[in-house]
Amino acid sequence: MKQLRTLRILLILSACLLAGMITAFLLKPTPADNRISTQQIGGDFTLTSADGPVSLSDFKGDVAVIYIGYASCPDVCPTALAVLSQALNQLDKKQRDQVQGIFISVDPERDTPEKLKTYTRFFSDRLIGLTGSHEEIDKVVRQYGAFYRKVELEDSAMGYAVDHSSRLYLIDRNGDFVGLLNHGVQPAEVKNRLESLLNG
């Protein structure tokens, strides 16, 4: 009798565990790269640079590359921007002059337009830093299928960090989103994609 009761409890627990695993699987979010498509993301926006308002449409006729991050990022952002900078340096001057890099900060509390100007110029003179209000930034983040979240850091001079997606968004001469490059892409591939857009 006791063994039967134990067996029944084990069966019930197993059934609950199985139900929980099935529920977790069904509710598991699809990876971001599989959720977004060229029809769902992109579009014009206006944010603030050290020299005033800047819209994506200001660069119509050129190819643009957008990156969303923040200047205090310890590794991911500098790596991505260094890759973009190397790719730009591999283009000839005429090509480089037709590509505009856009760095959008999701940390407006710390990243002033002036700070972003200094930060982006460190990587390339073809890179501009933009920020805005939280509402303006969140609108662009949604438009481009990106994400970010603030993470409090205890016992750290930084106070907080920002987890965020790391992608290079490619924009054609018409201002339309045409593709993205994930973190870890090599400069040569970025260069090839830019040349394809410039020659298209």
N, C-alpha and C. Protein backbone atom coordinates (compact mmCIF):
# COMPACT_ATOMS: atom_id res chain seq x y z
N MET A 1 0.83 -1.21 0.00
CA MET A 1 0.00 0.00 0.00
C MET A 1 0.87 1.26 0.00
N LYS A 2 1.92 1.23 0.86
CA LYS A 2 2.82 2.38 0.96
C LYS A 2 3.57 2.57 -0.36
N GLN A 3 4.00 1.43 -0.98
CA GLN A 3 4.71 1.52 -2.25
C GLN A 3 3.81 2.08 -3.35
N LEU A 4 2.52 1.70 -3.31
CA LEU A 4 1.56 2.19 -4.30
C LEU A 4 1.38 3.70 -4.18
N ARG A 5 1.31 4.20 -2.92
CA ARG A 5 1.15 5.63 -2.68
C ARG A 5 2.38 6.40 -3.18
N THR A 6 3.57 5.83 -2.90
CA THR A 6 4.81 6.46 -3.35
C THR A 6 4.88 6.51 -4.88
N LEU A 7 4.47 5.41 -5.52
CA LEU A 7 4.46 5.36 -6.97
C LEU A 7 3.50 6.39 -7.54
N ARG A 8 2.32 6.56 -6.90
CA ARG A 8 1.33 7.53 -7.37
C ARG A 8 1.89 8.95 -7.26
N ILE A 9 2.59 9.24 -6.16
CA ILE A 9 3.17 10.57 -5.96
C ILE A 9 4.24 10.84 -7.01
N LEU A 10 5.07 9.81 -7.29
CA LEU A 10 6.10 9.98 -8.30
C LEU A 10 5.50 10.22 -9.68
N LEU A 11 4.42 9.52 -9.98
CA LEU A 11 3.76 9.71 -11.27
C LEU A 11 3.18 11.12 -11.40
N ILE A 12 2.58 11.60 -10.30
CA ILE A 12 2.00 12.96 -10.31
C ILE A 12 3.11 14.00 -10.48
N LEU A 13 4.22 13.81 -9.74
CA LEU A 13 5.34 14.75 -9.86
C LEU A 13 5.93 14.73 -11.27
N SER A 14 6.05 13.53 -11.84
CA SER A 14 6.58 13.41 -13.20
C SER A 14 5.68 14.11 -14.20
N ALA A 15 4.35 13.95 -14.03
CA ALA A 15 3.39 14.59 -14.91
C ALA A 15 3.48 16.10 -14.81
N CYS A 16 3.63 16.61 -13.57
CA CYS A 16 3.76 18.06 -13.36
C CYS A 16 5.04 18.59 -14.01
N LEU A 17 6.14 17.82 -13.85
CA LEU A 17 7.41 18.23 -14.44
C LEU A 17 7.32 18.27 -15.95
N LEU A 18 6.68 17.24 -16.52
CA LEU A 18 6.52 17.19 -17.97
C LEU A 18 5.67 18.35 -18.47
N ALA A 19 4.59 18.64 -17.74
CA ALA A 19 3.71 19.75 -18.13
C ALA A 19 4.46 21.08 -18.06
N GLY A 20 5.30 21.22 -17.02
CA GLY A 20 6.08 22.44 -16.89
C GLY A 20 7.08 22.61 -18.02
N MET A 21 7.73 21.51 -18.41
CA MET A 21 8.70 21.56 -19.51
C MET A 21 8.02 21.90 -20.83
N ILE A 22 6.84 21.32 -21.06
CA ILE A 22 6.10 21.61 -22.29
C ILE A 22 5.69 23.08 -22.33
N THR A 23 5.20 23.58 -21.19
CA THR A 23 4.79 24.99 -21.11
C THR A 23 5.97 25.92 -21.36
N ALA A 24 7.11 25.60 -20.75
CA ALA A 24 8.31 26.44 -20.93
C ALA A 24 8.75 26.44 -22.38
N PHE A 25 8.66 25.27 -23.03
CA PHE A 25 9.06 25.18 -24.44
C PHE A 25 8.14 26.02 -25.33
N LEU A 26 6.83 25.93 -25.05
CA LEU A 26 5.86 26.66 -25.87
C LEU A 26 5.97 28.17 -25.68
N LEU A 27 6.33 28.57 -24.46
CA LEU A 27 6.42 30.01 -24.17
C LEU A 27 7.80 30.58 -24.44
N LYS A 28 8.75 29.72 -24.78
CA LYS A 28 10.11 30.19 -25.03
C LYS A 28 10.12 31.15 -26.21
N PRO A 29 10.67 32.36 -26.05
CA PRO A 29 10.69 33.31 -27.16
C PRO A 29 11.56 32.83 -28.31
N THR A 30 11.13 33.14 -29.51
CA THR A 30 11.93 32.82 -30.68
C THR A 30 13.14 33.73 -30.70
N PRO A 31 14.32 33.25 -31.08
CA PRO A 31 15.48 34.14 -31.19
C PRO A 31 15.16 35.35 -32.04
N ALA A 32 15.69 36.52 -31.62
CA ALA A 32 15.34 37.78 -32.28
C ALA A 32 15.58 37.75 -33.78
N ASP A 33 16.69 37.12 -34.21
CA ASP A 33 17.02 37.12 -35.63
C ASP A 33 15.98 36.39 -36.46
N ASN A 34 15.26 35.45 -35.82
CA ASN A 34 14.23 34.72 -36.55
C ASN A 34 12.89 35.43 -36.51
N ARG A 35 12.77 36.40 -35.61
CA ARG A 35 11.49 37.09 -35.46
C ARG A 35 11.36 38.26 -36.42
N ILE A 36 12.48 38.83 -36.83
CA ILE A 36 12.39 40.06 -37.60
C ILE A 36 12.59 39.81 -39.07
N SER A 37 11.98 40.63 -39.87
CA SER A 37 12.15 40.54 -41.32
C SER A 37 12.23 41.95 -41.87
N THR A 38 12.63 42.06 -43.13
CA THR A 38 12.79 43.39 -43.71
C THR A 38 11.46 44.14 -43.77
N GLN A 39 10.35 43.43 -43.76
CA GLN A 39 9.05 44.11 -43.80
C GLN A 39 8.69 44.69 -42.43
N GLN A 40 9.26 44.15 -41.38
CA GLN A 40 8.86 44.53 -40.03
C GLN A 40 9.71 45.64 -39.44
N ILE A 41 10.93 45.82 -39.90
CA ILE A 41 11.78 46.79 -39.24
C ILE A 41 12.31 47.86 -40.19
N GLY A 42 12.81 48.93 -39.59
CA GLY A 42 13.37 50.03 -40.37
C GLY A 42 12.49 51.26 -40.31
N GLY A 43 12.87 52.26 -41.07
CA GLY A 43 12.10 53.50 -41.13
C GLY A 43 12.88 54.70 -40.64
N ASP A 44 12.40 55.86 -40.99
CA ASP A 44 13.06 57.10 -40.64
C ASP A 44 12.90 57.41 -39.16
N PHE A 45 13.78 58.22 -38.64
CA PHE A 45 13.72 58.68 -37.24
C PHE A 45 14.52 59.95 -37.14
N THR A 46 14.28 60.68 -36.07
CA THR A 46 15.05 61.89 -35.79
C THR A 46 15.53 61.86 -34.35
N LEU A 47 16.85 61.98 -34.15
CA LEU A 47 17.44 62.03 -32.82
C LEU A 47 18.39 63.22 -32.77
N THR A 48 19.15 63.35 -31.68
CA THR A 48 19.97 64.54 -31.47
C THR A 48 21.46 64.22 -31.50
N SER A 49 22.20 65.00 -32.26
CA SER A 49 23.66 64.92 -32.28
C SER A 49 24.22 66.16 -31.58
N ALA A 50 25.54 66.23 -31.46
CA ALA A 50 26.17 67.41 -30.85
C ALA A 50 25.94 68.65 -31.69
N ASP A 51 25.61 68.46 -32.98
CA ASP A 51 25.40 69.59 -33.88
C ASP A 51 23.92 69.83 -34.20
N GLY A 52 23.04 69.17 -33.45
CA GLY A 52 21.61 69.39 -33.65
C GLY A 52 20.87 68.14 -34.09
N PRO A 53 19.59 68.30 -34.45
CA PRO A 53 18.78 67.15 -34.85
C PRO A 53 19.32 66.49 -36.12
N VAL A 54 19.24 65.17 -36.14
CA VAL A 54 19.68 64.38 -37.29
C VAL A 54 18.62 63.33 -37.58
N SER A 55 18.23 63.22 -38.84
CA SER A 55 17.28 62.20 -39.28
C SER A 55 17.98 61.21 -40.19
N LEU A 56 17.49 60.00 -40.21
CA LEU A 56 18.05 59.02 -41.14
C LEU A 56 17.89 59.50 -42.58
N SER A 57 16.79 60.16 -42.85
CA SER A 57 16.52 60.65 -44.21
C SER A 57 17.53 61.71 -44.67
N ASP A 58 18.27 62.30 -43.72
CA ASP A 58 19.32 63.26 -44.09
C ASP A 58 20.40 62.61 -44.95
N PHE A 59 20.52 61.29 -44.84
CA PHE A 59 21.60 60.58 -45.54
C PHE A 59 21.08 59.83 -46.77
N LYS A 60 19.88 60.18 -47.20
CA LYS A 60 19.34 59.53 -48.40
C LYS A 60 20.27 59.82 -49.57
N GLY A 61 20.55 58.79 -50.34
CA GLY A 61 21.52 58.90 -51.42
C GLY A 61 22.83 58.25 -51.06
N ASP A 62 23.07 58.10 -49.75
CA ASP A 62 24.24 57.39 -49.25
C ASP A 62 23.78 56.06 -48.64
N VAL A 63 24.73 55.20 -48.38
CA VAL A 63 24.48 53.97 -47.63
C VAL A 63 24.72 54.28 -46.15
N ALA A 64 23.88 53.74 -45.26
CA ALA A 64 24.04 53.98 -43.83
C ALA A 64 24.17 52.65 -43.09
N VAL A 65 24.89 52.69 -41.99
CA VAL A 65 25.02 51.54 -41.10
C VAL A 65 24.68 52.01 -39.70
N ILE A 66 23.67 51.39 -39.09
CA ILE A 66 23.22 51.80 -37.75
C ILE A 66 23.67 50.77 -36.72
N TYR A 67 24.17 51.27 -35.59
CA TYR A 67 24.49 50.40 -34.45
C TYR A 67 23.85 51.00 -33.21
N ILE A 68 23.22 50.17 -32.40
CA ILE A 68 22.53 50.63 -31.19
C ILE A 68 23.26 50.08 -29.97
N GLY A 69 23.77 50.98 -29.11
CA GLY A 69 24.51 50.55 -27.94
C GLY A 69 24.67 51.70 -26.96
N TYR A 70 25.83 51.79 -26.29
CA TYR A 70 26.08 52.92 -25.39
C TYR A 70 27.58 53.08 -25.16
N ALA A 71 27.99 54.28 -24.87
CA ALA A 71 29.42 54.62 -24.84
C ALA A 71 30.18 53.98 -23.69
N SER A 72 29.50 53.66 -22.59
CA SER A 72 30.19 53.05 -21.44
C SER A 72 30.28 51.54 -21.56
N CYS A 73 29.80 50.99 -22.65
CA CYS A 73 29.85 49.54 -22.90
C CYS A 73 31.31 49.08 -22.86
N PRO A 74 31.64 48.09 -22.05
CA PRO A 74 33.04 47.72 -21.87
C PRO A 74 33.66 46.93 -23.02
N ASP A 75 32.87 46.19 -23.78
CA ASP A 75 33.50 45.35 -24.80
C ASP A 75 32.70 45.19 -26.08
N VAL A 76 31.41 44.93 -26.00
CA VAL A 76 30.62 44.61 -27.19
C VAL A 76 30.58 45.77 -28.17
N CYS A 77 30.24 46.96 -27.69
CA CYS A 77 30.15 48.13 -28.57
C CYS A 77 31.50 48.49 -29.19
N PRO A 78 32.56 48.59 -28.39
CA PRO A 78 33.85 48.92 -29.01
C PRO A 78 34.27 47.90 -30.07
N THR A 79 33.97 46.63 -29.83
CA THR A 79 34.32 45.60 -30.81
C THR A 79 33.56 45.80 -32.11
N ALA A 80 32.25 46.01 -32.01
CA ALA A 80 31.42 46.19 -33.20
C ALA A 80 31.82 47.45 -33.97
N LEU A 81 32.07 48.54 -33.25
CA LEU A 81 32.44 49.78 -33.92
C LEU A 81 33.84 49.70 -34.53
N ALA A 82 34.72 48.93 -33.90
CA ALA A 82 36.06 48.74 -34.47
C ALA A 82 35.96 47.94 -35.77
N VAL A 83 35.08 46.95 -35.80
CA VAL A 83 34.87 46.17 -37.02
C VAL A 83 34.34 47.07 -38.14
N LEU A 84 33.36 47.91 -37.79
CA LEU A 84 32.81 48.84 -38.78
C LEU A 84 33.89 49.80 -39.28
N SER A 85 34.68 50.31 -38.36
CA SER A 85 35.76 51.23 -38.72
C SER A 85 36.77 50.58 -39.67
N GLN A 86 37.14 49.34 -39.37
CA GLN A 86 38.08 48.62 -40.24
C GLN A 86 37.49 48.40 -41.62
N ALA A 87 36.19 48.07 -41.67
CA ALA A 87 35.53 47.87 -42.96
C ALA A 87 35.53 49.17 -43.76
N LEU A 88 35.24 50.27 -43.11
CA LEU A 88 35.24 51.57 -43.79
C LEU A 88 36.63 51.91 -44.32
N ASN A 89 37.64 51.59 -43.54
CA ASN A 89 39.02 51.89 -43.95
C ASN A 89 39.47 51.05 -45.14
N GLN A 90 38.78 49.93 -45.36
CA GLN A 90 39.12 49.07 -46.50
C GLN A 90 38.49 49.56 -47.80
N LEU A 91 37.54 50.50 -47.69
CA LEU A 91 36.94 51.09 -48.88
C LEU A 91 37.84 52.20 -49.41
N ASP A 92 37.74 52.52 -50.69
CA ASP A 92 38.50 53.67 -51.17
C ASP A 92 37.78 54.96 -50.73
N LYS A 93 38.45 56.08 -50.84
CA LYS A 93 37.92 57.34 -50.30
C LYS A 93 36.55 57.69 -50.89
N LYS A 94 36.39 57.50 -52.19
CA LYS A 94 35.11 57.83 -52.84
C LYS A 94 33.99 56.99 -52.25
N GLN A 95 34.26 55.72 -51.99
CA GLN A 95 33.25 54.84 -51.40
C GLN A 95 32.96 55.24 -49.96
N ARG A 96 34.04 55.49 -49.19
CA ARG A 96 33.88 55.86 -47.78
C ARG A 96 33.00 57.10 -47.62
N ASP A 97 33.18 58.05 -48.51
CA ASP A 97 32.42 59.29 -48.43
C ASP A 97 30.93 59.09 -48.70
N GLN A 98 30.55 57.89 -49.16
CA GLN A 98 29.15 57.60 -49.44
C GLN A 98 28.54 56.65 -48.41
N VAL A 99 29.27 56.43 -47.31
CA VAL A 99 28.76 55.57 -46.24
C VAL A 99 28.72 56.37 -44.94
N GLN A 100 27.58 56.34 -44.29
CA GLN A 100 27.43 57.05 -43.01
C GLN A 100 27.13 56.05 -41.90
N GLY A 101 28.03 56.00 -40.91
CA GLY A 101 27.79 55.18 -39.72
C GLY A 101 27.00 55.98 -38.70
N ILE A 102 26.04 55.32 -38.05
CA ILE A 102 25.19 55.99 -37.06
C ILE A 102 25.19 55.16 -35.78
N PHE A 103 25.69 55.75 -34.70
CA PHE A 103 25.71 55.09 -33.39
C PHE A 103 24.61 55.70 -32.53
N ILE A 104 23.64 54.89 -32.15
CA ILE A 104 22.51 55.37 -31.35
C ILE A 104 22.68 54.87 -29.92
N SER A 105 22.76 55.80 -28.97
CA SER A 105 22.93 55.43 -27.57
C SER A 105 21.59 55.19 -26.88
N VAL A 106 21.54 54.11 -26.10
CA VAL A 106 20.34 53.81 -25.29
C VAL A 106 20.59 54.21 -23.84
N ASP A 107 21.59 55.06 -23.60
CA ASP A 107 21.95 55.48 -22.24
C ASP A 107 22.00 57.01 -22.17
N PRO A 108 20.84 57.67 -22.35
CA PRO A 108 20.85 59.14 -22.42
C PRO A 108 21.28 59.82 -21.13
N GLU A 109 21.19 59.10 -19.99
CA GLU A 109 21.62 59.72 -18.72
C GLU A 109 23.11 60.02 -18.74
N ARG A 110 23.90 59.15 -19.33
CA ARG A 110 25.35 59.34 -19.33
C ARG A 110 25.89 59.82 -20.67
N ASP A 111 25.21 59.46 -21.75
CA ASP A 111 25.72 59.77 -23.09
C ASP A 111 25.11 61.07 -23.63
N THR A 112 25.77 62.16 -23.34
CA THR A 112 25.33 63.44 -23.91
C THR A 112 25.75 63.48 -25.38
N PRO A 113 25.12 64.33 -26.18
CA PRO A 113 25.53 64.45 -27.59
C PRO A 113 27.01 64.77 -27.74
N GLU A 114 27.53 65.62 -26.86
CA GLU A 114 28.95 65.99 -26.94
C GLU A 114 29.85 64.80 -26.64
N LYS A 115 29.48 64.01 -25.64
CA LYS A 115 30.26 62.82 -25.30
C LYS A 115 30.23 61.83 -26.46
N LEU A 116 29.09 61.69 -27.09
CA LEU A 116 28.97 60.76 -28.21
C LEU A 116 29.79 61.21 -29.42
N LYS A 117 29.90 62.50 -29.60
CA LYS A 117 30.71 63.02 -30.71
C LYS A 117 32.16 62.63 -30.52
N THR A 118 32.67 62.81 -29.30
CA THR A 118 34.05 62.43 -29.00
C THR A 118 34.24 60.93 -29.13
N TYR A 119 33.28 60.17 -28.62
CA TYR A 119 33.37 58.71 -28.62
C TYR A 119 33.39 58.16 -30.05
N THR A 120 32.48 58.62 -30.88
CA THR A 120 32.39 58.07 -32.24
C THR A 120 33.57 58.49 -33.10
N ARG A 121 34.08 59.71 -32.91
CA ARG A 121 35.22 60.18 -33.70
C ARG A 121 36.48 59.35 -33.42
N PHE A 122 36.52 58.73 -32.24
CA PHE A 122 37.65 57.85 -31.92
C PHE A 122 37.72 56.69 -32.90
N PHE A 123 36.56 56.23 -33.37
CA PHE A 123 36.50 55.08 -34.28
C PHE A 123 36.58 55.50 -35.75
N SER A 124 35.81 56.54 -36.12
CA SER A 124 35.81 56.94 -37.53
C SER A 124 35.18 58.32 -37.69
N ASP A 125 35.70 59.08 -38.66
CA ASP A 125 35.08 60.36 -38.96
C ASP A 125 33.80 60.18 -39.79
N ARG A 126 33.50 58.93 -40.15
CA ARG A 126 32.26 58.63 -40.88
C ARG A 126 31.19 58.08 -39.95
N LEU A 127 31.40 58.28 -38.63
CA LEU A 127 30.46 57.78 -37.63
C LEU A 127 29.94 58.95 -36.81
N ILE A 128 28.61 59.01 -36.66
CA ILE A 128 27.98 60.08 -35.89
C ILE A 128 27.23 59.47 -34.71
N GLY A 129 27.28 60.15 -33.56
CA GLY A 129 26.60 59.67 -32.36
C GLY A 129 25.29 60.40 -32.13
N LEU A 130 24.24 59.65 -31.87
CA LEU A 130 22.90 60.22 -31.66
C LEU A 130 22.29 59.71 -30.36
N THR A 131 21.47 60.56 -29.75
CA THR A 131 20.72 60.17 -28.57
C THR A 131 19.41 60.96 -28.56
N GLY A 132 18.66 60.84 -27.49
CA GLY A 132 17.39 61.54 -27.39
C GLY A 132 16.72 61.21 -26.07
N SER A 133 15.44 61.49 -25.98
CA SER A 133 14.69 61.12 -24.78
C SER A 133 14.48 59.62 -24.78
N HIS A 134 14.09 59.07 -23.63
CA HIS A 134 13.82 57.63 -23.57
C HIS A 134 12.72 57.25 -24.56
N GLU A 135 11.72 58.10 -24.69
CA GLU A 135 10.62 57.80 -25.61
C GLU A 135 11.11 57.75 -27.06
N GLU A 136 11.96 58.71 -27.43
CA GLU A 136 12.50 58.74 -28.80
C GLU A 136 13.39 57.53 -29.07
N ILE A 137 14.23 57.20 -28.10
CA ILE A 137 15.13 56.05 -28.25
C ILE A 137 14.33 54.76 -28.34
N ASP A 138 13.35 54.60 -27.45
CA ASP A 138 12.55 53.37 -27.46
C ASP A 138 11.81 53.18 -28.78
N LYS A 139 11.39 54.28 -29.38
CA LYS A 139 10.69 54.19 -30.67
C LYS A 139 11.63 53.61 -31.74
N VAL A 140 12.88 54.10 -31.76
CA VAL A 140 13.84 53.60 -32.75
C VAL A 140 14.19 52.13 -32.46
N VAL A 141 14.36 51.80 -31.18
CA VAL A 141 14.66 50.43 -30.79
C VAL A 141 13.57 49.48 -31.28
N ARG A 142 12.31 49.89 -31.12
CA ARG A 142 11.20 49.06 -31.60
C ARG A 142 11.21 48.98 -33.12
N GLN A 143 11.46 50.11 -33.78
CA GLN A 143 11.48 50.13 -35.25
C GLN A 143 12.48 49.14 -35.83
N TYR A 144 13.60 48.99 -35.13
CA TYR A 144 14.68 48.17 -35.67
C TYR A 144 14.79 46.79 -35.01
N GLY A 145 13.77 46.41 -34.25
CA GLY A 145 13.75 45.07 -33.67
C GLY A 145 14.89 44.81 -32.71
N ALA A 146 15.41 45.86 -32.08
CA ALA A 146 16.51 45.71 -31.13
C ALA A 146 15.95 45.58 -29.71
N PHE A 147 16.83 45.46 -28.74
CA PHE A 147 16.38 45.45 -27.35
C PHE A 147 17.50 45.97 -26.46
N TYR A 148 17.11 46.44 -25.27
CA TYR A 148 18.09 46.80 -24.25
C TYR A 148 17.40 46.79 -22.90
N ARG A 149 18.18 46.62 -21.85
CA ARG A 149 17.64 46.72 -20.49
C ARG A 149 18.75 47.15 -19.54
N LYS A 150 18.37 47.95 -18.58
CA LYS A 150 19.30 48.48 -17.60
C LYS A 150 19.54 47.42 -16.51
N VAL A 151 20.81 47.22 -16.15
CA VAL A 151 21.16 46.24 -15.13
C VAL A 151 21.95 46.95 -14.03
N GLU A 152 21.38 46.97 -12.83
CA GLU A 152 22.06 47.63 -11.71
C GLU A 152 23.29 46.82 -11.30
N LEU A 153 24.40 47.52 -11.02
CA LEU A 153 25.64 46.86 -10.61
C LEU A 153 25.97 47.28 -9.17
N GLU A 154 25.91 46.33 -8.27
CA GLU A 154 26.24 46.62 -6.88
C GLU A 154 27.75 46.73 -6.71
N ASP A 155 28.16 47.64 -5.86
CA ASP A 155 29.59 47.83 -5.58
C ASP A 155 30.41 48.11 -6.82
N SER A 156 29.83 48.87 -7.75
CA SER A 156 30.56 49.25 -8.96
C SER A 156 30.48 50.75 -9.16
N ALA A 157 31.59 51.34 -9.56
CA ALA A 157 31.61 52.78 -9.80
C ALA A 157 30.70 53.16 -10.96
N MET A 158 30.46 52.21 -11.88
CA MET A 158 29.59 52.49 -13.03
C MET A 158 28.13 52.68 -12.61
N GLY A 159 27.73 52.01 -11.54
CA GLY A 159 26.35 52.13 -11.08
C GLY A 159 25.40 51.17 -11.79
N TYR A 160 25.49 51.14 -13.10
CA TYR A 160 24.66 50.22 -13.88
C TYR A 160 25.30 49.96 -15.24
N ALA A 161 24.90 48.86 -15.83
CA ALA A 161 25.29 48.54 -17.19
C ALA A 161 24.02 48.42 -18.01
N VAL A 162 24.16 48.25 -19.31
CA VAL A 162 23.00 48.11 -20.18
C VAL A 162 23.21 46.88 -21.08
N ASP A 163 22.37 45.87 -20.87
CA ASP A 163 22.37 44.73 -21.78
C ASP A 163 21.67 45.15 -23.06
N HIS A 164 22.22 44.78 -24.20
CA HIS A 164 21.58 45.21 -25.45
C HIS A 164 21.95 44.28 -26.59
N SER A 165 21.15 44.31 -27.63
CA SER A 165 21.47 43.54 -28.84
C SER A 165 22.67 44.18 -29.51
N SER A 166 23.37 43.40 -30.32
CA SER A 166 24.57 43.91 -31.00
C SER A 166 24.50 43.52 -32.47
N ARG A 167 24.01 44.45 -33.28
CA ARG A 167 23.86 44.20 -34.71
C ARG A 167 24.19 45.46 -35.50
N LEU A 168 24.70 45.26 -36.69
CA LEU A 168 24.88 46.35 -37.64
C LEU A 168 23.71 46.29 -38.62
N TYR A 169 22.94 47.37 -38.67
CA TYR A 169 21.78 47.45 -39.57
C TYR A 169 22.19 48.17 -40.85
N LEU A 170 21.98 47.51 -41.98
CA LEU A 170 22.37 48.07 -43.26
C LEU A 170 21.20 48.80 -43.91
N ILE A 171 21.44 50.03 -44.32
CA ILE A 171 20.42 50.88 -44.93
C ILE A 171 20.87 51.27 -46.33
N ASP A 172 20.01 51.07 -47.33
CA ASP A 172 20.42 51.38 -48.71
C ASP A 172 20.27 52.87 -49.01
N ARG A 173 20.56 53.24 -50.24
CA ARG A 173 20.55 54.65 -50.63
C ARG A 173 19.15 55.27 -50.56
N ASN A 174 18.13 54.44 -50.56
CA ASN A 174 16.75 54.96 -50.46
C ASN A 174 16.29 55.13 -49.02
N GLY A 175 17.16 54.74 -48.08
CA GLY A 175 16.80 54.85 -46.67
C GLY A 175 16.06 53.63 -46.15
N ASP A 176 16.09 52.54 -46.92
CA ASP A 176 15.37 51.32 -46.53
C ASP A 176 16.31 50.31 -45.88
N PHE A 177 15.82 49.65 -44.85
CA PHE A 177 16.57 48.58 -44.20
C PHE A 177 16.67 47.40 -45.17
N VAL A 178 17.89 46.89 -45.36
CA VAL A 178 18.07 45.79 -46.31
C VAL A 178 18.75 44.57 -45.70
N GLY A 179 19.14 44.65 -44.44
CA GLY A 179 19.76 43.49 -43.82
C GLY A 179 20.52 43.86 -42.57
N LEU A 180 20.92 42.83 -41.82
CA LEU A 180 21.71 43.09 -40.61
C LEU A 180 22.85 42.11 -40.53
N LEU A 181 23.86 42.51 -39.80
CA LEU A 181 25.05 41.69 -39.56
C LEU A 181 25.18 41.51 -38.06
N ASN A 182 25.24 40.27 -37.62
CA ASN A 182 25.30 39.97 -36.20
C ASN A 182 26.69 40.19 -35.62
N HIS A 183 26.74 40.29 -34.30
CA HIS A 183 28.01 40.48 -33.60
C HIS A 183 28.95 39.32 -33.95
N GLY A 184 30.22 39.66 -34.18
CA GLY A 184 31.19 38.65 -34.54
C GLY A 184 31.52 38.63 -36.03
N VAL A 185 30.76 39.43 -36.80
CA VAL A 185 31.04 39.51 -38.24
C VAL A 185 32.44 40.09 -38.45
N GLN A 186 33.08 39.66 -39.53
CA GLN A 186 34.43 40.13 -39.83
C GLN A 186 34.40 41.39 -40.70
N PRO A 187 35.41 42.26 -40.57
CA PRO A 187 35.44 43.50 -41.37
C PRO A 187 35.30 43.25 -42.87
N ALA A 188 35.91 42.18 -43.36
CA ALA A 188 35.85 41.90 -44.80
C ALA A 188 34.42 41.67 -45.27
N GLU A 189 33.63 41.00 -44.44
CA GLU A 189 32.23 40.76 -44.82
C GLU A 189 31.44 42.07 -44.81
N VAL A 190 31.69 42.91 -43.80
CA VAL A 190 31.02 44.21 -43.75
C VAL A 190 31.39 45.02 -44.98
N LYS A 191 32.65 45.04 -45.33
CA LYS A 191 33.12 45.77 -46.52
C LYS A 191 32.42 45.25 -47.77
N ASN A 192 32.33 43.93 -47.91
CA ASN A 192 31.69 43.35 -49.09
C ASN A 192 30.22 43.75 -49.19
N ARG A 193 29.54 43.75 -48.05
CA ARG A 193 28.12 44.13 -48.05
C ARG A 193 27.95 45.61 -48.40
N LEU A 194 28.85 46.43 -47.88
CA LEU A 194 28.78 47.86 -48.19
C LEU A 194 29.05 48.11 -49.66
N GLU A 195 30.05 47.44 -50.22
CA GLU A 195 30.35 47.61 -51.64
C GLU A 195 29.16 47.18 -52.50
N SER A 196 28.50 46.10 -52.09
CA SER A 196 27.33 45.63 -52.82
C SER A 196 26.23 46.67 -52.84
N LEU A 197 26.02 47.33 -51.69
CA LEU A 197 25.00 48.37 -51.62
C LEU A 197 25.41 49.62 -52.41
N LEU A 198 26.69 49.94 -52.35
CA LEU A 198 27.17 51.12 -53.09
C LEU A 198 27.08 50.93 -54.60
N ASN A 199 27.27 49.70 -55.03
CA ASN A 199 27.25 49.42 -56.47
C ASN A 199 25.89 48.99 -56.98
N GLY A 200 24.95 48.83 -56.07
CA GLY A 200 23.62 48.33 -56.46
C GLY A 200 22.76 49.39 -57.12
